[in-house]
N, C-alpha and C. Protein backbone atom coordinates (compact mmCIF):
# COMPACT_ATOMS: atom_id res chain seq x y z
N MET A 1 -3.39 -18.79 20.70
CA MET A 1 -3.97 -19.40 19.57
C MET A 1 -5.29 -19.13 19.58
N ASP A 2 -6.09 -19.65 20.86
CA ASP A 2 -7.83 -19.76 20.93
C ASP A 2 -8.35 -18.17 20.67
N LEU A 3 -7.01 -17.55 20.74
CA LEU A 3 -7.80 -15.56 20.46
C LEU A 3 -7.67 -15.69 19.19
N LEU A 4 -6.84 -15.75 18.61
CA LEU A 4 -6.62 -16.06 17.00
C LEU A 4 -7.31 -16.26 16.62
N HIS A 5 -8.07 -18.16 16.38
CA HIS A 5 -8.86 -18.57 16.04
C HIS A 5 -10.12 -17.78 15.93
N ASP A 6 -10.60 -17.67 17.11
CA ASP A 6 -11.82 -16.61 17.39
C ASP A 6 -12.00 -14.81 16.85
N LEU A 7 -10.83 -14.27 16.73
CA LEU A 7 -10.53 -13.21 15.78
C LEU A 7 -10.98 -13.78 14.29
N TYR A 8 -10.52 -14.67 13.55
CA TYR A 8 -10.49 -15.36 12.60
C TYR A 8 -11.97 -15.77 12.38
N ASN A 9 -12.93 -16.72 13.48
CA ASN A 9 -14.38 -16.64 13.24
C ASN A 9 -14.85 -15.64 13.24
N TRP A 10 -14.52 -14.52 14.32
CA TRP A 10 -15.08 -12.90 14.07
C TRP A 10 -15.31 -12.26 13.01
N VAL A 11 -14.04 -12.44 11.99
CA VAL A 11 -13.85 -11.85 11.21
C VAL A 11 -14.96 -12.01 10.18
N ILE A 12 -14.89 -13.65 9.75
CA ILE A 12 -15.84 -14.53 8.85
C ILE A 12 -17.19 -13.99 8.92
N GLY A 13 -17.51 -13.96 10.71
CA GLY A 13 -19.04 -13.76 10.98
C GLY A 13 -19.54 -12.31 10.37
N TRP A 14 -19.05 -11.81 9.96
CA TRP A 14 -19.36 -10.45 9.39
C TRP A 14 -19.86 -10.44 7.82
N ALA A 15 -19.27 -11.63 7.32
CA ALA A 15 -20.07 -12.02 6.01
C ALA A 15 -21.70 -11.81 5.75
N GLY A 16 -22.14 -12.24 6.38
CA GLY A 16 -23.93 -12.25 6.12
C GLY A 16 -24.11 -10.51 7.10
N HIS A 17 -23.46 -9.99 7.00
CA HIS A 17 -23.96 -8.81 7.80
C HIS A 17 -24.28 -7.71 6.88
N PRO A 18 -25.23 -6.82 6.87
CA PRO A 18 -25.85 -6.17 6.07
C PRO A 18 -24.52 -4.87 6.22
N ASN A 19 -23.73 -4.62 6.84
CA ASN A 19 -22.15 -3.60 6.81
C ASN A 19 -21.08 -4.64 6.15
N ALA A 20 -21.41 -5.50 5.69
CA ALA A 20 -20.29 -6.75 4.96
C ALA A 20 -19.09 -5.80 4.54
N VAL A 21 -19.18 -4.84 3.45
CA VAL A 21 -18.73 -4.50 2.22
C VAL A 21 -18.10 -3.37 3.19
N MET A 22 -18.73 -2.83 4.09
CA MET A 22 -17.91 -1.44 4.74
C MET A 22 -16.77 -2.58 5.51
N ALA A 23 -17.22 -3.75 5.98
CA ALA A 23 -16.03 -4.05 6.89
C ALA A 23 -14.84 -5.17 6.32
N LEU A 24 -15.12 -4.96 5.11
CA LEU A 24 -14.51 -5.26 4.33
C LEU A 24 -13.18 -4.72 4.04
N PHE A 25 -13.78 -3.12 3.28
CA PHE A 25 -12.47 -2.37 3.82
C PHE A 25 -11.82 -2.24 4.80
N TRP A 26 -12.40 -2.13 6.21
CA TRP A 26 -11.58 -1.72 7.26
C TRP A 26 -10.96 -3.20 7.59
N PHE A 27 -11.09 -3.77 7.31
CA PHE A 27 -10.20 -5.00 7.68
C PHE A 27 -9.10 -5.44 6.87
N ALA A 28 -9.22 -4.84 5.37
CA ALA A 28 -8.66 -4.81 4.64
C ALA A 28 -7.32 -3.63 5.13
N PHE A 29 -7.92 -2.48 5.47
CA PHE A 29 -7.26 -1.21 5.44
C PHE A 29 -6.08 -1.65 7.23
N ALA A 30 -7.44 -2.17 7.78
CA ALA A 30 -6.43 -2.53 9.32
C ALA A 30 -5.08 -4.03 9.10
N GLU A 31 -5.27 -4.38 8.13
CA GLU A 31 -4.64 -5.53 8.24
C GLU A 31 -3.54 -5.29 7.64
N SER A 32 -3.11 -4.10 6.84
CA SER A 32 -2.04 -3.55 5.84
C SER A 32 -1.02 -2.92 6.77
N SER A 33 -1.42 -2.46 8.36
CA SER A 33 -0.53 -1.85 9.15
C SER A 33 -0.33 -2.17 10.16
N PHE A 34 -1.69 -2.96 10.96
CA PHE A 34 -1.64 -3.85 12.25
C PHE A 34 -2.43 -5.06 12.62
N PHE A 35 -3.64 -5.32 11.93
CA PHE A 35 -4.58 -6.35 12.21
C PHE A 35 -4.29 -7.62 11.83
N PRO A 36 -4.05 -8.55 12.57
CA PRO A 36 -3.24 -9.84 12.51
C PRO A 36 -4.00 -10.58 11.26
N ILE A 37 -5.16 -10.54 10.69
CA ILE A 37 -6.13 -11.57 9.83
C ILE A 37 -6.05 -11.04 8.64
N PRO A 38 -5.44 -11.99 7.65
CA PRO A 38 -5.58 -11.00 6.25
C PRO A 38 -7.16 -11.20 5.83
N PRO A 39 -7.52 -10.12 5.20
CA PRO A 39 -8.85 -9.91 4.76
C PRO A 39 -9.17 -10.94 3.63
N ASP A 40 -8.28 -12.00 3.51
CA ASP A 40 -8.94 -12.75 1.96
C ASP A 40 -10.32 -13.88 2.63
N VAL A 41 -9.81 -13.98 4.15
CA VAL A 41 -11.09 -14.77 4.72
C VAL A 41 -12.20 -13.98 4.43
N LEU A 42 -12.47 -13.15 4.60
CA LEU A 42 -13.63 -12.46 4.52
C LEU A 42 -14.38 -12.07 3.23
N LEU A 43 -13.07 -11.75 2.51
CA LEU A 43 -13.52 -11.84 0.92
C LEU A 43 -14.07 -12.88 0.24
N ILE A 44 -13.56 -13.73 0.58
CA ILE A 44 -13.96 -15.04 0.71
C ILE A 44 -14.67 -15.88 0.58
N ALA A 45 -15.54 -15.45 1.76
CA ALA A 45 -16.80 -15.61 2.55
C ALA A 45 -18.10 -15.45 1.85
N MET A 46 -17.50 -13.51 1.22
CA MET A 46 -18.56 -12.90 1.06
C MET A 46 -18.65 -13.70 -0.85
N CYS A 47 -17.95 -14.23 -0.96
CA CYS A 47 -17.64 -14.50 -2.64
C CYS A 47 -18.46 -15.54 -2.85
N VAL A 48 -18.56 -16.54 -1.91
CA VAL A 48 -18.93 -17.87 -1.65
C VAL A 48 -20.71 -17.20 -1.81
N ALA A 49 -20.95 -16.15 -0.78
CA ALA A 49 -22.00 -15.91 -0.52
C ALA A 49 -23.05 -15.47 -1.88
N ASP A 50 -22.20 -14.38 -2.67
CA ASP A 50 -22.82 -13.93 -3.35
C ASP A 50 -21.56 -13.49 -4.81
N PRO A 51 -21.31 -15.08 -5.61
CA PRO A 51 -20.19 -14.50 -6.73
C PRO A 51 -20.51 -13.73 -7.28
N SER A 52 -21.84 -13.54 -7.54
CA SER A 52 -21.96 -12.14 -8.92
C SER A 52 -21.32 -11.34 -8.12
N GLN A 53 -20.91 -10.59 -7.16
CA GLN A 53 -20.59 -9.62 -6.53
C GLN A 53 -19.01 -9.35 -6.46
N ALA A 54 -18.74 -10.43 -6.97
CA ALA A 54 -17.24 -10.45 -6.16
C ALA A 54 -16.05 -9.88 -6.68
N LEU A 55 -16.22 -9.27 -7.89
CA LEU A 55 -15.44 -8.53 -8.62
C LEU A 55 -15.59 -7.34 -7.74
N PHE A 56 -16.72 -6.76 -7.75
CA PHE A 56 -17.06 -5.32 -6.30
C PHE A 56 -16.26 -5.77 -5.34
N TYR A 57 -16.36 -7.12 -4.97
CA TYR A 57 -15.51 -6.94 -3.19
C TYR A 57 -14.26 -6.92 -3.61
N ALA A 58 -13.67 -7.38 -4.56
CA ALA A 58 -12.51 -7.60 -4.80
C ALA A 58 -11.74 -6.04 -4.70
N LEU A 59 -12.47 -5.03 -5.12
CA LEU A 59 -12.23 -3.76 -5.69
C LEU A 59 -11.98 -2.96 -4.58
N ILE A 60 -13.37 -3.18 -3.23
CA ILE A 60 -13.32 -2.50 -2.10
C ILE A 60 -12.12 -3.07 -1.18
N CYS A 61 -11.43 -4.70 -1.51
CA CYS A 61 -10.47 -5.23 -0.42
C CYS A 61 -9.12 -4.24 -0.53
N SER A 62 -9.15 -3.99 -2.15
CA SER A 62 -7.92 -3.64 -2.89
C SER A 62 -7.34 -2.28 -2.29
N LEU A 63 -8.79 -1.55 -2.38
CA LEU A 63 -8.60 0.34 -1.69
C LEU A 63 -8.14 0.07 -0.67
N GLY A 64 -8.74 -0.66 0.29
CA GLY A 64 -8.64 -0.57 1.71
C GLY A 64 -7.64 -0.71 2.09
N SER A 65 -6.77 -2.15 1.31
CA SER A 65 -5.51 -2.46 1.29
C SER A 65 -4.71 -1.13 1.22
N VAL A 66 -4.31 -0.80 -0.22
CA VAL A 66 -3.58 -0.22 -0.68
C VAL A 66 -3.49 1.88 0.65
N LEU A 67 -4.91 1.74 0.73
CA LEU A 67 -4.82 2.83 1.79
C LEU A 67 -4.44 2.60 3.24
N GLY A 68 -4.62 1.22 3.51
CA GLY A 68 -3.97 0.98 4.75
C GLY A 68 -2.39 0.65 4.74
N GLY A 69 -1.87 0.52 3.77
CA GLY A 69 -0.55 0.68 3.32
C GLY A 69 -0.31 1.90 3.40
N MET A 70 -0.61 2.64 3.27
CA MET A 70 -0.27 4.22 2.87
C MET A 70 -0.35 4.50 4.73
N ALA A 71 -0.83 3.73 5.32
CA ALA A 71 -1.03 4.33 6.66
C ALA A 71 -0.12 3.91 7.37
N GLY A 72 0.06 2.44 6.95
CA GLY A 72 1.62 1.63 7.57
C GLY A 72 3.05 2.01 7.30
N PHE A 73 2.96 2.92 5.94
CA PHE A 73 3.82 3.47 5.69
C PHE A 73 4.29 4.83 6.42
N GLY A 74 3.44 5.20 6.45
CA GLY A 74 3.30 6.50 7.40
C GLY A 74 3.70 6.51 9.27
N ILE A 75 3.37 5.16 9.55
CA ILE A 75 3.67 4.93 10.84
C ILE A 75 4.82 4.44 10.52
N GLY A 76 5.43 4.23 9.75
CA GLY A 76 7.24 3.46 10.11
C GLY A 76 7.85 4.63 9.67
N ARG A 77 7.47 5.73 8.70
CA ARG A 77 8.19 6.87 8.24
C ARG A 77 8.18 7.96 9.79
N GLY A 78 7.21 7.66 10.42
CA GLY A 78 7.16 8.68 12.04
C GLY A 78 7.82 7.94 12.78
N ALA A 79 7.28 6.53 13.36
CA ALA A 79 7.94 6.38 14.42
C ALA A 79 9.71 5.91 14.37
N GLY A 80 10.22 5.36 12.94
CA GLY A 80 11.07 4.95 12.46
C GLY A 80 11.69 3.74 13.11
N ARG A 81 13.04 3.59 12.80
CA ARG A 81 14.02 2.16 13.72
C ARG A 81 13.58 1.26 15.05
N PRO A 82 13.22 2.68 15.61
CA PRO A 82 12.98 2.43 17.50
C PRO A 82 11.44 1.54 17.06
N LEU A 83 10.31 1.55 16.56
CA LEU A 83 9.53 0.50 15.88
C LEU A 83 9.93 -0.53 15.52
N LEU A 84 10.79 -0.75 14.63
CA LEU A 84 11.24 -1.72 14.19
C LEU A 84 11.86 -2.69 14.95
N LYS A 85 12.63 -2.22 15.70
CA LYS A 85 13.73 -2.90 16.88
C LYS A 85 12.47 -3.55 17.69
N ARG A 86 11.35 -3.05 17.88
CA ARG A 86 10.73 -3.37 19.04
C ARG A 86 10.05 -4.91 17.88
N MET A 87 9.49 -4.41 16.82
CA MET A 87 9.04 -5.60 16.24
C MET A 87 9.58 -6.90 15.76
N LEU A 88 11.06 -6.51 15.19
CA LEU A 88 12.07 -7.04 14.64
C LEU A 88 13.18 -7.67 15.19
N SER A 89 13.30 -8.81 15.45
CA SER A 89 14.91 -8.97 15.92
C SER A 89 15.90 -8.18 14.82
N ALA A 90 17.01 -8.66 15.38
CA ALA A 90 18.28 -7.45 14.46
C ALA A 90 18.65 -8.21 13.46
N GLU A 91 18.76 -9.49 13.29
CA GLU A 91 18.41 -10.00 12.34
C GLU A 91 17.79 -10.00 11.19
N LYS A 92 16.32 -10.06 11.60
CA LYS A 92 15.44 -10.35 10.52
C LYS A 92 14.96 -8.10 9.85
N LEU A 93 15.77 -7.29 11.07
CA LEU A 93 15.87 -6.16 10.33
C LEU A 93 16.80 -6.09 9.43
N ALA A 94 18.11 -6.56 9.70
CA ALA A 94 19.23 -6.67 8.85
C ALA A 94 18.80 -6.99 7.09
N THR A 95 18.15 -8.58 7.51
CA THR A 95 17.52 -8.67 6.11
C THR A 95 16.47 -8.02 5.26
N ALA A 96 15.62 -7.56 6.48
CA ALA A 96 14.63 -6.67 5.68
C ALA A 96 15.53 -5.31 4.72
N GLU A 97 16.22 -4.85 5.58
CA GLU A 97 16.62 -3.72 4.86
C GLU A 97 17.91 -4.37 4.22
N SER A 98 18.45 -5.54 3.81
CA SER A 98 19.13 -5.58 2.74
C SER A 98 18.23 -5.99 1.43
N LEU A 99 16.95 -6.43 1.50
CA LEU A 99 16.26 -6.49 0.70
C LEU A 99 15.79 -5.30 -0.04
N TYR A 100 15.37 -4.70 0.64
CA TYR A 100 14.95 -3.07 0.28
C TYR A 100 16.31 -2.55 -0.32
N ASN A 101 17.14 -3.02 -0.06
CA ASN A 101 18.67 -1.94 -0.53
C ASN A 101 18.76 -2.82 -1.96
N ARG A 102 18.44 -3.86 -2.52
CA ARG A 102 19.14 -4.61 -3.31
C ARG A 102 17.64 -4.35 -4.16
N TYR A 103 16.39 -4.73 -3.59
CA TYR A 103 15.02 -4.94 -4.99
C TYR A 103 13.96 -3.35 -4.73
N ASP A 104 14.10 -2.54 -3.31
CA ASP A 104 13.13 -1.46 -3.25
C ASP A 104 11.95 -2.01 -3.36
N VAL A 105 11.47 -1.41 -4.49
CA VAL A 105 9.93 -1.45 -4.33
C VAL A 105 9.56 -3.06 -4.31
N TRP A 106 10.32 -3.42 -4.79
CA TRP A 106 9.99 -5.04 -5.56
C TRP A 106 9.54 -6.15 -4.70
N ALA A 107 10.62 -5.50 -3.35
CA ALA A 107 9.96 -6.31 -1.80
C ALA A 107 8.88 -6.20 -1.81
N ILE A 108 8.09 -4.96 -2.16
CA ILE A 108 6.53 -4.62 -1.55
C ILE A 108 5.71 -5.44 -2.36
N GLY A 109 5.85 -5.55 -3.80
CA GLY A 109 5.39 -5.88 -4.76
C GLY A 109 5.24 -8.11 -4.47
N ILE A 110 6.38 -8.20 -3.70
CA ILE A 110 6.33 -9.69 -3.75
C ILE A 110 5.20 -10.02 -2.30
N ALA A 111 5.73 -8.78 -1.20
CA ALA A 111 4.75 -9.38 0.30
C ALA A 111 3.40 -8.77 -0.29
N GLY A 112 3.16 -8.00 -1.20
CA GLY A 112 1.71 -7.97 -1.30
C GLY A 112 1.06 -8.58 -1.78
N PHE A 113 1.39 -10.04 -2.54
CA PHE A 113 0.60 -10.74 -2.91
C PHE A 113 0.68 -11.94 -2.26
N THR A 114 2.24 -11.99 -1.71
CA THR A 114 1.53 -13.81 -0.66
C THR A 114 1.63 -13.30 0.28
N PRO A 115 1.39 -14.71 1.19
CA PRO A 115 0.76 -14.87 2.12
C PRO A 115 1.76 -14.34 3.16
N LEU A 116 2.80 -13.29 2.94
CA LEU A 116 3.55 -13.01 3.87
C LEU A 116 2.76 -11.87 4.40
N PRO A 117 3.52 -11.17 5.88
CA PRO A 117 2.72 -10.53 6.52
C PRO A 117 3.17 -8.91 5.56
N TYR A 118 1.85 -8.39 5.42
CA TYR A 118 2.28 -7.44 4.57
C TYR A 118 2.68 -6.11 5.61
N LYS A 119 1.81 -6.11 6.59
CA LYS A 119 2.23 -4.96 7.31
C LYS A 119 3.34 -4.51 7.68
N ILE A 120 4.45 -5.62 7.97
CA ILE A 120 5.84 -5.60 8.02
C ILE A 120 6.46 -4.90 7.19
N PHE A 121 6.12 -5.02 5.85
CA PHE A 121 6.78 -4.47 4.51
C PHE A 121 6.32 -3.16 4.58
N THR A 122 5.02 -2.74 4.81
CA THR A 122 4.53 -1.66 4.88
C THR A 122 5.03 -0.12 5.70
N ILE A 123 5.12 -1.25 6.97
CA ILE A 123 5.81 -0.05 8.06
C ILE A 123 7.62 -0.06 7.64
N THR A 124 8.16 -1.05 7.34
CA THR A 124 9.26 -0.90 7.37
C THR A 124 10.03 -0.27 5.81
N ALA A 125 8.84 0.01 4.98
CA ALA A 125 9.32 0.54 3.87
C ALA A 125 9.51 2.16 4.38
N GLY A 126 8.33 2.42 5.21
CA GLY A 126 8.54 3.98 5.62
C GLY A 126 9.76 4.25 6.07
N ALA A 127 10.00 3.26 7.40
CA ALA A 127 11.21 3.63 7.99
C ALA A 127 12.55 3.48 7.29
N PHE A 128 12.37 2.67 6.30
CA PHE A 128 13.89 2.99 5.29
C PHE A 128 13.52 3.64 4.66
N ALA A 129 12.23 4.60 4.55
CA ALA A 129 12.32 5.99 3.62
C ALA A 129 12.23 5.40 2.31
N ILE A 130 11.70 4.48 1.36
CA ILE A 130 11.44 3.75 0.36
C ILE A 130 10.51 4.98 -0.52
N ARG A 131 10.66 5.12 -1.51
CA ARG A 131 9.97 6.17 -2.45
C ARG A 131 8.63 5.91 -2.11
N PHE A 132 7.98 6.99 -2.09
CA PHE A 132 6.30 7.07 -1.27
C PHE A 132 5.96 6.22 -2.91
N VAL A 133 6.24 7.09 -3.90
CA VAL A 133 4.90 7.19 -5.28
C VAL A 133 5.00 5.47 -5.75
N PRO A 134 6.20 4.89 -5.88
CA PRO A 134 6.70 3.47 -6.44
C PRO A 134 6.00 2.79 -5.35
N PHE A 135 6.12 2.99 -3.86
CA PHE A 135 5.45 2.26 -3.23
C PHE A 135 3.77 1.79 -3.28
N VAL A 136 3.25 3.22 -3.44
CA VAL A 136 1.73 2.65 -3.92
C VAL A 136 1.50 2.05 -4.86
N PHE A 137 2.05 2.45 -5.93
CA PHE A 137 2.16 1.48 -7.14
C PHE A 137 2.31 0.08 -6.96
N ALA A 138 3.78 0.00 -6.41
CA ALA A 138 3.58 -1.70 -5.96
C ALA A 138 2.50 -2.10 -5.53
N SER A 139 1.82 -1.55 -4.54
CA SER A 139 1.12 -2.05 -3.38
C SER A 139 0.05 -2.30 -4.45
N ALA A 140 -0.64 -0.86 -5.16
CA ALA A 140 -1.76 -1.51 -5.59
C ALA A 140 -2.06 -2.78 -6.81
N VAL A 141 -0.95 -2.46 -7.35
CA VAL A 141 -0.42 -4.09 -8.54
C VAL A 141 -1.06 -5.06 -7.36
N SER A 142 0.42 -5.71 -6.82
CA SER A 142 0.73 -6.62 -6.08
C SER A 142 -1.11 -6.68 -5.55
N ARG A 143 -1.35 -5.94 -4.36
CA ARG A 143 -2.33 -6.49 -3.66
C ARG A 143 -3.85 -6.39 -4.68
N SER A 144 -3.94 -5.54 -6.01
CA SER A 144 -5.26 -5.82 -6.59
C SER A 144 -5.31 -7.24 -7.38
N ALA A 145 -4.06 -7.43 -7.65
CA ALA A 145 -3.72 -8.73 -8.29
C ALA A 145 -4.30 -9.98 -7.51
N ARG A 146 -3.78 -10.39 -6.17
CA ARG A 146 -3.78 -10.95 -5.19
C ARG A 146 -5.82 -11.28 -5.19
N PHE A 147 -5.90 -10.09 -5.10
CA PHE A 147 -7.85 -10.16 -4.22
C PHE A 147 -8.71 -10.09 -5.77
N PHE A 148 -8.03 -10.07 -7.17
CA PHE A 148 -8.98 -9.92 -8.23
C PHE A 148 -8.48 -11.19 -8.79
N ILE A 149 -7.84 -11.81 -8.68
CA ILE A 149 -7.57 -13.47 -8.94
C ILE A 149 -8.69 -14.23 -8.20
N VAL A 150 -8.44 -13.97 -7.15
CA VAL A 150 -9.70 -15.10 -6.03
C VAL A 150 -10.82 -14.55 -6.36
N ALA A 151 -11.16 -13.03 -6.51
CA ALA A 151 -12.73 -12.82 -7.44
C ALA A 151 -13.03 -13.24 -7.93
N THR A 152 -12.18 -13.40 -9.03
CA THR A 152 -12.31 -13.80 -11.09
C THR A 152 -12.96 -15.17 -10.66
N ALA A 153 -12.29 -15.68 -10.16
CA ALA A 153 -12.16 -17.39 -9.71
C ALA A 153 -13.93 -17.53 -9.57
N PHE A 154 -13.93 -16.81 -8.17
CA PHE A 154 -15.38 -17.22 -7.80
C PHE A 154 -16.33 -16.51 -8.71
N TYR A 155 -16.05 -15.30 -9.05
CA TYR A 155 -17.40 -14.94 -10.60
C TYR A 155 -17.51 -15.87 -11.52
N PHE A 156 -16.27 -16.41 -12.03
CA PHE A 156 -16.75 -17.63 -12.83
C PHE A 156 -17.43 -18.69 -12.94
N TRP A 157 -16.48 -19.34 -11.46
CA TRP A 157 -16.47 -20.44 -11.37
C TRP A 157 -17.19 -21.01 -9.61
N GLY A 158 -17.92 -19.84 -9.11
CA GLY A 158 -18.94 -20.04 -8.03
C GLY A 158 -17.96 -20.80 -6.67
N ALA A 159 -18.81 -21.13 -5.54
CA ALA A 159 -18.20 -21.71 -4.61
C ALA A 159 -16.98 -22.86 -4.97
N HIS A 160 -16.97 -23.81 -5.55
CA HIS A 160 -16.23 -25.07 -6.38
C HIS A 160 -15.19 -24.14 -6.10
N ILE A 161 -14.85 -23.08 -6.43
CA ILE A 161 -13.21 -22.64 -6.71
C ILE A 161 -12.49 -22.69 -5.24
N LYS A 162 -13.23 -22.16 -4.09
CA LYS A 162 -12.20 -22.49 -2.80
C LYS A 162 -11.90 -23.56 -2.48
N LEU A 163 -12.26 -24.56 -2.88
CA LEU A 163 -11.34 -26.03 -2.65
C LEU A 163 -10.14 -25.98 -3.22
N TRP A 164 -9.93 -25.47 -4.12
CA TRP A 164 -8.78 -25.38 -5.20
C TRP A 164 -8.00 -23.88 -4.44
N ILE A 165 -8.56 -23.00 -3.84
CA ILE A 165 -7.83 -22.11 -3.50
C ILE A 165 -7.08 -22.46 -2.17
N ASP A 166 -8.07 -22.77 -1.77
CA ASP A 166 -7.63 -23.65 0.04
C ASP A 166 -6.42 -24.46 -0.24
N GLU A 167 -5.95 -25.20 -1.40
CA GLU A 167 -5.07 -25.99 -2.07
C GLU A 167 -3.64 -25.45 -2.27
N TYR A 168 -4.31 -24.89 -2.90
CA TYR A 168 -2.90 -24.35 -4.23
C TYR A 168 -2.59 -22.77 -3.69
N PHE A 169 -3.85 -22.31 -2.90
CA PHE A 169 -2.86 -20.78 -2.98
C PHE A 169 -1.29 -20.50 -2.79
N ASN A 170 -0.57 -21.13 -1.91
CA ASN A 170 0.40 -20.98 -1.67
C ASN A 170 1.41 -21.02 -2.33
N LEU A 171 0.98 -22.47 -3.76
CA LEU A 171 1.64 -22.78 -4.57
C LEU A 171 1.93 -21.59 -5.99
N ALA A 172 0.48 -21.04 -6.20
CA ALA A 172 0.39 -19.86 -7.15
C ALA A 172 1.13 -18.69 -6.41
N SER A 173 1.24 -18.34 -4.86
CA SER A 173 1.97 -17.39 -4.85
C SER A 173 3.32 -17.49 -4.72
N ILE A 174 3.97 -18.31 -4.85
CA ILE A 174 5.13 -18.93 -5.21
C ILE A 174 5.36 -18.67 -6.47
N LEU A 175 4.55 -19.33 -7.48
CA LEU A 175 5.17 -19.02 -8.90
C LEU A 175 4.73 -17.76 -9.12
N PHE A 176 3.54 -16.70 -8.39
CA PHE A 176 3.73 -15.66 -9.29
C PHE A 176 5.15 -14.88 -8.71
N VAL A 177 5.75 -14.90 -7.64
CA VAL A 177 6.96 -14.47 -6.97
C VAL A 177 8.29 -15.25 -8.19
N VAL A 178 8.28 -15.97 -8.63
CA VAL A 178 9.13 -16.64 -9.54
C VAL A 178 9.01 -15.93 -10.68
N LEU A 179 7.99 -15.71 -11.13
CA LEU A 179 7.53 -14.81 -12.54
C LEU A 179 8.13 -13.64 -12.63
N LEU A 180 7.49 -12.81 -11.16
CA LEU A 180 7.82 -11.46 -10.36
C LEU A 180 9.22 -11.47 -10.40
N VAL A 181 10.23 -11.84 -10.26
CA VAL A 181 11.32 -11.47 -9.55
C VAL A 181 12.14 -12.18 -11.16
N GLY A 182 11.55 -13.53 -12.06
CA GLY A 182 12.07 -13.42 -13.45
C GLY A 182 12.02 -12.01 -14.05
N GLY A 183 10.48 -11.86 -14.05
CA GLY A 183 10.99 -10.55 -15.33
C GLY A 183 11.72 -9.22 -15.29
N PHE A 184 11.27 -8.89 -13.64
CA PHE A 184 12.42 -7.84 -12.91
C PHE A 184 14.06 -8.42 -13.23
N LEU A 185 14.49 -9.12 -13.04
CA LEU A 185 15.95 -9.58 -13.82
C LEU A 185 15.66 -9.52 -15.18
N LEU A 186 14.92 -9.94 -16.23
CA LEU A 186 15.00 -9.85 -17.60
C LEU A 186 15.10 -8.48 -18.03
N LEU A 187 14.17 -7.48 -17.29
CA LEU A 187 14.10 -6.26 -17.57
C LEU A 187 15.89 -6.00 -17.61
N ARG A 188 16.06 -5.96 -16.25
CA ARG A 188 17.49 -5.31 -16.26
C ARG A 188 18.28 -5.85 -16.92
N PHE A 189 18.21 -7.23 -17.45
CA PHE A 189 19.27 -7.69 -17.94
C PHE A 189 19.21 -6.75 -19.78
N LEU A 190 18.09 -6.54 -19.83
CA LEU A 190 17.88 -6.13 -21.14
C LEU A 190 17.69 -4.89 -20.99
N GLY A 191 17.38 -3.99 -20.23
CA GLY A 191 18.09 -2.57 -20.03
C GLY A 191 19.97 -2.64 -19.97
N ARG A 192 20.78 -3.40 -19.05
CA ARG A 192 22.33 -3.53 -19.50
C ARG A 192 22.59 -3.51 -20.93
N HIS A 193 21.82 -4.64 -21.51
CA HIS A 193 22.35 -4.83 -22.83
C HIS A 193 21.96 -3.78 -23.67
N LEU A 194 20.55 -3.23 -23.60
CA LEU A 194 20.54 -2.07 -24.38
C LEU A 194 21.64 -0.98 -24.68
N THR A 195 22.12 -0.67 -22.97
CA THR A 195 22.68 0.50 -22.83
C THR A 195 24.16 0.62 -23.57
N HIS A 196 24.70 -1.10 -23.66
CA HIS A 196 25.87 -1.22 -24.35
C HIS A 196 26.04 -1.37 -25.69
N HIS A 197 25.08 -0.86 -26.01
CA HIS A 197 24.61 -0.67 -27.57
C HIS A 197 24.39 0.29 -28.13
């Protein structure tokens, strides 16, 4: 636990570094495939320091995260199920596979926006041979939404928004997932309805 806390502080420490933007890109990239600390911590620290650049920081974070997700997909595709069996219990593996079989890339869309460990979903997507182009699209939409919502809040309201994000981010994530799944079910219902007419 102390190691994780030290790692967290080390990531935040990059906020004032001359190469902070490059560090943000690489942390976002790494978190999508193997790194344990989400890039949000550095993104928020950088937005607090300079709210006028918040949208640019969100763009860098999104690019790094999506490219890192593609790398995670490649890891899963190459290593396959043997890697998954080391990462996940048999029960969790079966649950993940069931989610992909039922929701396909929607599972990625949900994981990309929420605090769930994104790297697990990118690697399992590759191992389960999820379609690559929809995977990239779902990653781009969900990760960009996550980072740009946070950055836009800082851009318009400055550092005061940090208190609100700290308190309500998980609630906002749940609401987004409900809306995402609800929209998917509505589209599916309308698709079936139109097909029968």
